[in-house]
N, C-alpha and C. Protein backbone atom coordinates (compact mmCIF):
# COMPACT_ATOMS: atom_id res chain seq x y z
N MET A 1 106.74 96.62 81.71
CA MET A 1 107.72 96.59 82.79
C MET A 1 107.61 95.25 83.50
N GLU A 2 108.58 94.41 83.26
CA GLU A 2 108.52 93.02 83.72
C GLU A 2 108.47 92.89 85.24
N ALA A 3 109.23 93.70 85.98
CA ALA A 3 109.22 93.61 87.45
C ALA A 3 107.82 93.88 88.01
N LEU A 4 107.13 94.84 87.43
CA LEU A 4 105.77 95.16 87.88
C LEU A 4 104.81 94.03 87.53
N GLN A 5 104.88 93.53 86.31
CA GLN A 5 104.01 92.42 85.92
C GLN A 5 104.24 91.20 86.83
N GLN A 6 105.50 90.92 87.14
CA GLN A 6 105.81 89.79 88.02
C GLN A 6 105.22 89.99 89.41
N LYS A 7 105.31 91.21 89.93
CA LYS A 7 104.76 91.53 91.25
C LYS A 7 103.24 91.35 91.23
N ILE A 8 102.60 91.79 90.15
CA ILE A 8 101.14 91.63 90.03
C ILE A 8 100.79 90.15 90.00
N ARG A 9 101.53 89.36 89.24
CA ARG A 9 101.26 87.91 89.18
C ARG A 9 101.43 87.25 90.54
N GLU A 10 102.48 87.64 91.27
CA GLU A 10 102.80 87.00 92.54
C GLU A 10 101.94 87.48 93.70
N GLU A 11 101.66 88.79 93.76
CA GLU A 11 101.02 89.35 94.95
C GLU A 11 99.67 90.01 94.69
N GLY A 12 99.31 90.21 93.42
CA GLY A 12 98.00 90.77 93.12
C GLY A 12 96.91 89.73 93.36
N ILE A 13 95.75 90.21 93.76
CA ILE A 13 94.61 89.33 94.02
C ILE A 13 93.45 89.78 93.14
N VAL A 14 92.98 88.86 92.31
CA VAL A 14 91.83 89.17 91.45
C VAL A 14 90.57 88.95 92.28
N LEU A 15 89.84 90.05 92.53
CA LEU A 15 88.61 89.97 93.32
C LEU A 15 87.39 89.71 92.46
N SER A 16 87.47 90.11 91.20
CA SER A 16 86.38 89.88 90.24
C SER A 16 86.94 90.12 88.85
N ASP A 17 86.09 89.99 87.84
CA ASP A 17 86.52 90.25 86.47
C ASP A 17 86.85 91.73 86.24
N GLN A 18 86.51 92.59 87.23
CA GLN A 18 86.73 94.03 87.10
C GLN A 18 87.74 94.60 88.10
N VAL A 19 88.03 93.86 89.19
CA VAL A 19 88.81 94.43 90.31
C VAL A 19 90.05 93.61 90.59
N LEU A 20 91.21 94.31 90.60
CA LEU A 20 92.49 93.73 90.94
C LEU A 20 93.00 94.41 92.21
N LYS A 21 93.26 93.62 93.23
CA LYS A 21 93.74 94.15 94.51
C LYS A 21 95.27 94.06 94.54
N VAL A 22 95.91 95.22 94.74
CA VAL A 22 97.38 95.28 94.77
C VAL A 22 97.86 95.99 96.04
N ASP A 23 97.14 95.77 97.11
CA ASP A 23 97.48 96.46 98.36
C ASP A 23 98.72 95.91 99.04
N ALA A 24 99.29 94.81 98.56
CA ALA A 24 100.51 94.26 99.14
C ALA A 24 101.75 95.04 98.72
N PHE A 25 101.64 95.85 97.63
CA PHE A 25 102.83 96.55 97.15
C PHE A 25 102.60 97.95 96.60
N LEU A 26 101.34 98.36 96.39
CA LEU A 26 101.11 99.64 95.73
C LEU A 26 100.20 100.59 96.50
N ASN A 27 99.04 100.13 96.92
CA ASN A 27 98.10 101.10 97.47
C ASN A 27 97.63 100.83 98.90
N HIS A 28 98.44 100.16 99.67
CA HIS A 28 98.26 100.09 101.13
C HIS A 28 99.65 99.90 101.72
N GLN A 29 100.23 98.74 101.52
CA GLN A 29 101.65 98.55 101.79
C GLN A 29 102.39 98.90 100.50
N ILE A 30 103.51 99.60 100.63
CA ILE A 30 104.24 100.07 99.45
C ILE A 30 105.61 99.39 99.39
N ASP A 31 105.95 98.88 98.21
CA ASP A 31 107.26 98.30 97.96
C ASP A 31 108.16 99.43 97.43
N PRO A 32 109.04 99.99 98.29
CA PRO A 32 109.85 101.13 97.86
C PRO A 32 110.78 100.82 96.69
N ALA A 33 111.35 99.63 96.65
CA ALA A 33 112.25 99.29 95.54
C ALA A 33 111.49 99.27 94.23
N LEU A 34 110.28 98.71 94.24
CA LEU A 34 109.45 98.69 93.04
C LEU A 34 109.04 100.12 92.66
N MET A 35 108.70 100.95 93.65
CA MET A 35 108.32 102.34 93.36
C MET A 35 109.49 103.09 92.72
N GLN A 36 110.72 102.79 93.15
CA GLN A 36 111.88 103.43 92.55
C GLN A 36 112.02 103.02 91.08
N LEU A 37 111.82 101.74 90.80
CA LEU A 37 111.88 101.28 89.41
C LEU A 37 110.79 101.95 88.57
N ILE A 38 109.60 102.08 89.14
CA ILE A 38 108.48 102.72 88.45
C ILE A 38 108.81 104.19 88.17
N GLY A 39 109.34 104.89 89.18
CA GLY A 39 109.73 106.28 88.99
C GLY A 39 110.80 106.44 87.93
N ASP A 40 111.77 105.53 87.95
CA ASP A 40 112.83 105.56 86.93
C ASP A 40 112.25 105.39 85.53
N GLU A 41 111.29 104.47 85.39
CA GLU A 41 110.71 104.21 84.07
C GLU A 41 109.88 105.39 83.57
N PHE A 42 109.04 105.96 84.45
CA PHE A 42 108.27 107.14 84.03
C PHE A 42 109.21 108.29 83.66
N ALA A 43 110.26 108.47 84.45
CA ALA A 43 111.23 109.54 84.16
C ALA A 43 111.90 109.30 82.81
N ARG A 44 112.22 108.06 82.51
CA ARG A 44 112.83 107.74 81.21
C ARG A 44 111.85 108.05 80.07
N LEU A 45 110.59 107.63 80.25
CA LEU A 45 109.59 107.81 79.20
C LEU A 45 109.30 109.29 78.93
N TYR A 46 109.35 110.12 79.97
CA TYR A 46 108.98 111.54 79.82
C TYR A 46 110.18 112.48 79.94
N ALA A 47 111.39 111.96 79.81
CA ALA A 47 112.61 112.76 79.99
C ALA A 47 112.67 113.96 79.05
N ASP A 48 112.16 113.82 77.84
CA ASP A 48 112.25 114.89 76.84
C ASP A 48 110.94 115.67 76.68
N SER A 49 110.07 115.60 77.68
CA SER A 49 108.75 116.23 77.57
C SER A 49 108.66 117.60 78.24
N GLY A 50 109.74 118.07 78.82
CA GLY A 50 109.72 119.39 79.45
C GLY A 50 108.86 119.46 80.69
N VAL A 51 108.71 118.37 81.40
CA VAL A 51 107.86 118.33 82.60
C VAL A 51 108.41 119.27 83.66
N THR A 52 107.52 120.13 84.19
CA THR A 52 107.91 121.03 85.28
C THR A 52 107.23 120.68 86.60
N LYS A 53 106.13 119.93 86.54
CA LYS A 53 105.41 119.50 87.74
C LYS A 53 104.78 118.14 87.47
N ILE A 54 104.56 117.41 88.57
CA ILE A 54 103.82 116.15 88.52
C ILE A 54 102.60 116.32 89.39
N VAL A 55 101.45 115.84 88.90
CA VAL A 55 100.21 115.89 89.66
C VAL A 55 99.66 114.48 89.79
N THR A 56 99.15 114.17 90.99
CA THR A 56 98.49 112.90 91.27
C THR A 56 97.33 113.15 92.22
N ILE A 57 96.63 112.09 92.59
CA ILE A 57 95.55 112.19 93.58
C ILE A 57 95.98 111.41 94.81
N GLU A 58 95.66 111.97 96.00
CA GLU A 58 95.97 111.20 97.20
C GLU A 58 95.12 109.95 97.22
N ALA A 59 95.53 108.86 97.73
CA ALA A 59 96.81 108.62 98.35
C ALA A 59 97.67 107.67 97.50
N SER A 60 97.03 106.82 96.72
CA SER A 60 97.77 105.74 96.06
C SER A 60 98.71 106.20 94.96
N GLY A 61 98.50 107.36 94.40
CA GLY A 61 99.39 107.84 93.36
C GLY A 61 100.63 108.53 93.90
N ILE A 62 100.66 108.82 95.19
CA ILE A 62 101.75 109.62 95.75
C ILE A 62 103.10 108.92 95.64
N ALA A 63 103.18 107.66 96.01
CA ALA A 63 104.48 106.96 96.00
C ALA A 63 105.11 106.93 94.60
N PRO A 64 104.39 106.47 93.56
CA PRO A 64 105.03 106.49 92.24
C PRO A 64 105.30 107.91 91.73
N ALA A 65 104.44 108.86 92.10
CA ALA A 65 104.65 110.25 91.67
C ALA A 65 105.90 110.84 92.31
N VAL A 66 106.09 110.60 93.61
CA VAL A 66 107.27 111.14 94.30
C VAL A 66 108.55 110.55 93.72
N MET A 67 108.55 109.25 93.44
CA MET A 67 109.74 108.63 92.88
C MET A 67 110.04 109.19 91.48
N THR A 68 109.00 109.46 90.70
CA THR A 68 109.18 110.05 89.38
C THR A 68 109.69 111.48 89.51
N GLY A 69 109.11 112.24 90.43
CA GLY A 69 109.54 113.61 90.66
C GLY A 69 110.98 113.69 91.12
N LEU A 70 111.37 112.75 91.96
CA LEU A 70 112.76 112.70 92.43
C LEU A 70 113.71 112.50 91.26
N LYS A 71 113.36 111.57 90.38
CA LYS A 71 114.23 111.27 89.22
C LYS A 71 114.24 112.42 88.22
N LEU A 72 113.09 113.06 87.99
CA LEU A 72 113.03 114.18 87.04
C LEU A 72 113.48 115.50 87.65
N GLY A 73 113.54 115.56 88.98
CA GLY A 73 113.93 116.79 89.66
C GLY A 73 112.87 117.86 89.63
N VAL A 74 111.58 117.45 89.72
CA VAL A 74 110.47 118.40 89.70
C VAL A 74 109.55 118.16 90.90
N PRO A 75 108.82 119.22 91.32
CA PRO A 75 107.89 119.06 92.44
C PRO A 75 106.71 118.15 92.09
N VAL A 76 106.13 117.56 93.14
CA VAL A 76 104.95 116.71 93.02
C VAL A 76 103.82 117.36 93.81
N ILE A 77 102.67 117.47 93.17
CA ILE A 77 101.48 118.02 93.81
C ILE A 77 100.44 116.92 93.87
N PHE A 78 99.82 116.73 95.03
CA PHE A 78 98.72 115.77 95.05
C PHE A 78 97.41 116.49 95.30
N ALA A 79 96.42 116.13 94.49
CA ALA A 79 95.07 116.66 94.66
C ALA A 79 94.49 116.03 95.91
N ARG A 80 93.99 116.88 96.78
CA ARG A 80 93.46 116.42 98.06
C ARG A 80 91.98 116.08 97.93
N LYS A 81 91.61 115.00 98.60
CA LYS A 81 90.21 114.56 98.59
C LYS A 81 89.45 115.10 99.78
N HIS A 82 90.16 115.55 100.78
CA HIS A 82 89.52 115.96 102.03
C HIS A 82 89.77 117.43 102.30
N GLN A 83 88.76 118.08 102.86
CA GLN A 83 88.88 119.48 103.23
C GLN A 83 90.00 119.65 104.24
N SER A 84 90.64 120.79 104.20
CA SER A 84 91.71 121.11 105.13
C SER A 84 91.57 122.56 105.56
N LEU A 85 91.92 122.83 106.80
CA LEU A 85 91.87 124.21 107.28
C LEU A 85 92.88 125.08 106.55
N THR A 86 93.94 124.47 106.03
CA THR A 86 94.99 125.25 105.36
C THR A 86 94.81 125.31 103.85
N LEU A 87 93.88 124.56 103.30
CA LEU A 87 93.66 124.53 101.85
C LEU A 87 92.26 125.04 101.57
N THR A 88 92.13 126.37 101.45
CA THR A 88 90.79 126.95 101.34
C THR A 88 90.65 128.00 100.24
N GLU A 89 91.73 128.65 99.82
CA GLU A 89 91.61 129.83 98.97
C GLU A 89 91.51 129.49 97.48
N ASN A 90 90.43 129.92 96.84
CA ASN A 90 90.28 129.85 95.38
C ASN A 90 90.82 128.56 94.77
N LEU A 91 90.38 127.45 95.28
CA LEU A 91 90.93 126.16 94.88
C LEU A 91 90.56 125.79 93.45
N LEU A 92 91.46 125.05 92.81
CA LEU A 92 91.16 124.41 91.53
C LEU A 92 90.54 123.07 91.90
N THR A 93 89.31 122.81 91.46
CA THR A 93 88.61 121.60 91.90
C THR A 93 88.00 120.85 90.72
N ALA A 94 87.77 119.57 90.96
CA ALA A 94 87.06 118.73 90.00
C ALA A 94 86.43 117.58 90.78
N SER A 95 85.38 117.05 90.22
CA SER A 95 84.70 115.91 90.83
C SER A 95 85.21 114.64 90.18
N VAL A 96 85.44 113.61 91.00
CA VAL A 96 85.95 112.34 90.47
C VAL A 96 85.18 111.18 91.11
N TYR A 97 84.76 110.25 90.25
CA TYR A 97 84.06 109.06 90.71
C TYR A 97 85.06 107.92 90.80
N SER A 98 85.12 107.25 91.95
CA SER A 98 86.01 106.12 92.15
C SER A 98 85.28 104.83 91.82
N PHE A 99 85.76 104.12 90.79
CA PHE A 99 85.18 102.84 90.40
C PHE A 99 85.30 101.82 91.53
N THR A 100 86.46 101.77 92.16
CA THR A 100 86.72 100.77 93.20
C THR A 100 85.92 101.05 94.47
N LYS A 101 85.87 102.32 94.87
CA LYS A 101 85.19 102.67 96.12
C LYS A 101 83.71 102.99 95.92
N GLN A 102 83.30 103.15 94.64
CA GLN A 102 81.91 103.49 94.32
C GLN A 102 81.46 104.77 95.04
N THR A 103 82.35 105.77 95.06
CA THR A 103 82.04 107.05 95.69
C THR A 103 82.47 108.19 94.78
N GLU A 104 81.88 109.34 95.02
CA GLU A 104 82.24 110.56 94.30
C GLU A 104 82.94 111.49 95.28
N ASN A 105 84.06 112.06 94.86
CA ASN A 105 84.81 113.00 95.68
C ASN A 105 85.13 114.24 94.88
N THR A 106 85.25 115.36 95.59
CA THR A 106 85.79 116.56 94.98
C THR A 106 87.27 116.60 95.35
N VAL A 107 88.12 116.75 94.36
CA VAL A 107 89.55 116.85 94.61
C VAL A 107 89.98 118.29 94.35
N ALA A 108 91.02 118.73 95.08
CA ALA A 108 91.40 120.14 95.01
C ALA A 108 92.91 120.31 95.05
N ILE A 109 93.36 121.33 94.33
CA ILE A 109 94.76 121.76 94.34
C ILE A 109 94.77 123.28 94.51
N SER A 110 95.69 123.79 95.29
CA SER A 110 95.85 125.22 95.43
C SER A 110 96.40 125.80 94.13
N PRO A 111 95.84 126.91 93.65
CA PRO A 111 96.34 127.53 92.43
C PRO A 111 97.74 128.12 92.60
N ARG A 112 98.24 128.21 93.83
CA ARG A 112 99.61 128.71 94.07
C ARG A 112 100.66 127.76 93.49
N HIS A 113 100.27 126.49 93.29
CA HIS A 113 101.25 125.48 92.90
C HIS A 113 101.25 125.13 91.41
N LEU A 114 100.27 125.63 90.67
CA LEU A 114 100.19 125.38 89.22
C LEU A 114 99.97 126.69 88.51
N ASN A 115 100.67 126.89 87.38
CA ASN A 115 100.42 128.10 86.60
C ASN A 115 100.55 127.81 85.11
N SER A 116 100.29 128.81 84.32
CA SER A 116 100.21 128.62 82.87
C SER A 116 101.54 128.24 82.22
N SER A 117 102.64 128.42 82.91
CA SER A 117 103.93 128.03 82.32
C SER A 117 104.29 126.57 82.62
N ASP A 118 103.48 125.89 83.43
CA ASP A 118 103.79 124.51 83.80
C ASP A 118 103.41 123.51 82.72
N ARG A 119 104.29 122.50 82.55
CA ARG A 119 104.01 121.31 81.73
C ARG A 119 103.89 120.17 82.73
N VAL A 120 102.70 119.60 82.82
CA VAL A 120 102.37 118.70 83.93
C VAL A 120 102.25 117.25 83.47
N LEU A 121 102.93 116.39 84.22
CA LEU A 121 102.81 114.95 84.04
C LEU A 121 101.86 114.43 85.11
N VAL A 122 100.80 113.76 84.69
CA VAL A 122 99.85 113.13 85.61
C VAL A 122 100.35 111.72 85.88
N ILE A 123 100.45 111.35 87.16
CA ILE A 123 100.82 109.99 87.55
C ILE A 123 99.68 109.43 88.38
N ASP A 124 99.26 108.19 88.09
CA ASP A 124 98.23 107.55 88.91
C ASP A 124 98.49 106.05 89.00
N ASP A 125 97.93 105.45 90.04
CA ASP A 125 98.15 104.02 90.25
C ASP A 125 97.38 103.18 89.26
N PHE A 126 96.12 103.54 88.97
CA PHE A 126 95.28 102.76 88.07
C PHE A 126 94.63 103.65 87.03
N LEU A 127 94.39 103.07 85.87
CA LEU A 127 93.52 103.66 84.86
C LEU A 127 92.46 102.61 84.55
N ALA A 128 91.21 102.95 84.85
CA ALA A 128 90.09 102.05 84.55
C ALA A 128 89.17 102.78 83.58
N ASN A 129 88.25 103.55 84.13
CA ASN A 129 87.33 104.33 83.30
C ASN A 129 87.83 105.74 83.01
N GLY A 130 88.94 106.11 83.61
CA GLY A 130 89.56 107.39 83.30
C GLY A 130 89.03 108.58 84.06
N LYS A 131 88.19 108.36 85.06
CA LYS A 131 87.58 109.49 85.78
C LYS A 131 88.60 110.28 86.58
N ALA A 132 89.54 109.62 87.24
CA ALA A 132 90.57 110.34 88.01
C ALA A 132 91.46 111.15 87.06
N SER A 133 91.85 110.54 85.97
CA SER A 133 92.68 111.25 84.98
C SER A 133 91.96 112.47 84.44
N GLN A 134 90.68 112.33 84.12
CA GLN A 134 89.91 113.46 83.59
C GLN A 134 89.79 114.57 84.62
N ALA A 135 89.62 114.22 85.89
CA ALA A 135 89.53 115.24 86.94
C ALA A 135 90.84 116.01 87.05
N LEU A 136 91.96 115.30 87.01
CA LEU A 136 93.26 115.97 87.09
C LEU A 136 93.51 116.84 85.86
N ILE A 137 93.13 116.35 84.69
CA ILE A 137 93.27 117.14 83.47
C ILE A 137 92.45 118.43 83.58
N SER A 138 91.24 118.33 84.13
CA SER A 138 90.39 119.50 84.32
C SER A 138 91.08 120.53 85.22
N ILE A 139 91.67 120.07 86.32
CA ILE A 139 92.36 120.98 87.24
C ILE A 139 93.56 121.63 86.55
N ILE A 140 94.31 120.86 85.81
CA ILE A 140 95.48 121.39 85.10
C ILE A 140 95.04 122.46 84.10
N LYS A 141 93.96 122.20 83.38
CA LYS A 141 93.45 123.18 82.42
C LYS A 141 92.93 124.44 83.12
N GLN A 142 92.28 124.27 84.30
CA GLN A 142 91.82 125.44 85.06
C GLN A 142 92.98 126.36 85.41
N ALA A 143 94.16 125.78 85.64
CA ALA A 143 95.35 126.56 85.97
C ALA A 143 95.98 127.18 84.72
N GLY A 144 95.51 126.80 83.54
CA GLY A 144 96.10 127.27 82.30
C GLY A 144 97.38 126.54 81.93
N ALA A 145 97.67 125.46 82.64
CA ALA A 145 98.88 124.67 82.39
C ALA A 145 98.64 123.68 81.25
N THR A 146 99.71 123.02 80.82
CA THR A 146 99.66 122.06 79.73
C THR A 146 99.86 120.65 80.27
N VAL A 147 99.09 119.70 79.76
CA VAL A 147 99.26 118.30 80.12
C VAL A 147 100.36 117.72 79.23
N ALA A 148 101.48 117.32 79.84
CA ALA A 148 102.59 116.73 79.09
C ALA A 148 102.33 115.26 78.79
N GLY A 149 101.51 114.63 79.61
CA GLY A 149 101.18 113.22 79.42
C GLY A 149 100.69 112.61 80.71
N LEU A 150 100.36 111.32 80.62
CA LEU A 150 99.88 110.58 81.79
C LEU A 150 100.72 109.33 81.95
N GLY A 151 101.15 109.08 83.18
CA GLY A 151 101.88 107.88 83.53
C GLY A 151 101.02 107.03 84.45
N ILE A 152 100.67 105.85 83.99
CA ILE A 152 99.77 104.97 84.73
C ILE A 152 100.54 103.72 85.15
N VAL A 153 100.46 103.37 86.43
CA VAL A 153 101.16 102.18 86.89
C VAL A 153 100.47 100.94 86.32
N ILE A 154 99.16 100.79 86.55
CA ILE A 154 98.41 99.63 86.06
C ILE A 154 97.18 100.11 85.29
N GLU A 155 97.10 99.72 84.05
CA GLU A 155 95.95 100.05 83.21
C GLU A 155 95.08 98.82 83.03
N LYS A 156 93.79 98.96 83.31
CA LYS A 156 92.83 97.90 82.99
C LYS A 156 92.32 98.22 81.58
N SER A 157 93.00 97.65 80.60
CA SER A 157 92.74 97.98 79.20
C SER A 157 91.36 97.56 78.71
N PHE A 158 90.72 96.67 79.44
CA PHE A 158 89.38 96.21 79.07
C PHE A 158 88.30 97.21 79.48
N GLN A 159 88.67 98.26 80.18
CA GLN A 159 87.73 99.33 80.52
C GLN A 159 88.05 100.54 79.63
N GLY A 160 87.18 101.52 79.59
CA GLY A 160 87.24 102.54 78.55
C GLY A 160 88.13 103.74 78.75
N GLY A 161 88.83 103.82 79.87
CA GLY A 161 89.62 105.02 80.16
C GLY A 161 90.69 105.33 79.13
N ARG A 162 91.45 104.33 78.73
CA ARG A 162 92.55 104.55 77.76
C ARG A 162 92.01 105.07 76.43
N ALA A 163 90.95 104.45 75.94
CA ALA A 163 90.38 104.86 74.65
C ALA A 163 89.91 106.32 74.70
N GLU A 164 89.32 106.71 75.81
CA GLU A 164 88.83 108.09 75.94
C GLU A 164 90.00 109.08 75.95
N LEU A 165 91.05 108.77 76.69
CA LEU A 165 92.22 109.65 76.73
C LEU A 165 92.93 109.71 75.38
N ASP A 166 93.05 108.55 74.73
CA ASP A 166 93.64 108.51 73.39
C ASP A 166 92.85 109.38 72.41
N SER A 167 91.51 109.29 72.48
CA SER A 167 90.67 110.04 71.56
C SER A 167 90.79 111.55 71.78
N GLN A 168 91.20 111.94 72.98
CA GLN A 168 91.39 113.36 73.27
C GLN A 168 92.81 113.82 72.96
N GLY A 169 93.63 112.90 72.47
CA GLY A 169 94.97 113.26 72.03
C GLY A 169 96.05 113.27 73.09
N TYR A 170 95.77 112.71 74.26
CA TYR A 170 96.76 112.68 75.33
C TYR A 170 97.72 111.51 75.18
N ARG A 171 98.96 111.74 75.52
CA ARG A 171 99.95 110.66 75.57
C ARG A 171 99.77 109.90 76.88
N VAL A 172 99.56 108.59 76.77
CA VAL A 172 99.37 107.74 77.94
C VAL A 172 100.43 106.65 77.91
N GLU A 173 101.21 106.56 78.97
CA GLU A 173 102.21 105.51 79.12
C GLU A 173 101.83 104.68 80.33
N SER A 174 101.45 103.43 80.10
CA SER A 174 101.07 102.51 81.18
C SER A 174 102.14 101.45 81.33
N LEU A 175 102.55 101.20 82.55
CA LEU A 175 103.65 100.25 82.78
C LEU A 175 103.20 98.80 82.78
N ALA A 176 101.95 98.55 83.14
CA ALA A 176 101.37 97.21 83.05
C ALA A 176 99.97 97.37 82.48
N ARG A 177 99.73 96.76 81.32
CA ARG A 177 98.42 96.85 80.68
C ARG A 177 97.70 95.51 80.83
N VAL A 178 96.68 95.50 81.68
CA VAL A 178 95.93 94.28 81.96
C VAL A 178 94.88 94.10 80.87
N LYS A 179 94.97 92.96 80.19
CA LYS A 179 94.02 92.63 79.13
C LYS A 179 92.73 92.07 79.72
N SER A 180 92.88 91.23 80.77
CA SER A 180 91.71 90.56 81.34
C SER A 180 92.01 90.09 82.75
N LEU A 181 90.94 90.01 83.55
CA LEU A 181 90.99 89.41 84.88
C LEU A 181 90.05 88.20 84.96
N GLU A 182 89.60 87.75 83.81
CA GLU A 182 88.61 86.67 83.75
C GLU A 182 89.15 85.38 84.35
N GLY A 183 88.27 84.69 85.06
CA GLY A 183 88.62 83.41 85.67
C GLY A 183 89.64 83.54 86.79
N GLY A 184 89.79 84.76 87.34
CA GLY A 184 90.73 84.97 88.42
C GLY A 184 92.18 85.01 88.00
N VAL A 185 92.42 85.14 86.68
CA VAL A 185 93.78 85.15 86.16
C VAL A 185 94.07 86.49 85.50
N VAL A 186 95.22 87.08 85.84
CA VAL A 186 95.63 88.33 85.22
C VAL A 186 96.36 88.01 83.92
N SER A 187 95.84 88.57 82.81
CA SER A 187 96.58 88.45 81.55
C SER A 187 96.91 89.86 81.08
N PHE A 188 98.09 90.01 80.48
CA PHE A 188 98.59 91.32 80.08
C PHE A 188 98.62 91.47 78.57
N ILE A 189 98.51 92.74 78.14
CA ILE A 189 98.78 93.09 76.75
C ILE A 189 100.29 93.24 76.68
N GLU A 190 100.91 92.49 75.83
CA GLU A 190 102.38 92.52 75.76
C GLU A 190 102.86 93.58 74.81
């Protein structure tokens, strides 16, 4: 997706050979026009997949997930990282390690929102080591639902997440595949 790659080139900041900061348009300040294009593209890619729900993790996956849900006409569920007084009953949970934040969180979804008849599209902002994706897949399986695929805004292809998901047979569609961040320069897999 050329618009996304251009935005990464112009506004992304390479913090190290492993970390790309995109808080100017994706995960702090959000570019709504870009999110709409991203939602349109994920909807196009998964139009024939029978998606009935979209699942993401708060907070950075919400904007692209909502735009995709709007285009596909399906609800969006976000796995919560924080306890809530209203989210307590028989939760579907999984543990997820954040590479960027270097923390472990338990994420949760109410079982009222997912069931065995659902075909679920996972949307996330980044794919690095695949821990967030694996946690969401675990929750979807706990509900007895089917994973229709994964939509990733930015994939760091030099890390192992994509290979692990591929080896498990999941369909992964990444809109920008970063080959390297070496020398402070973002290079893409074309």
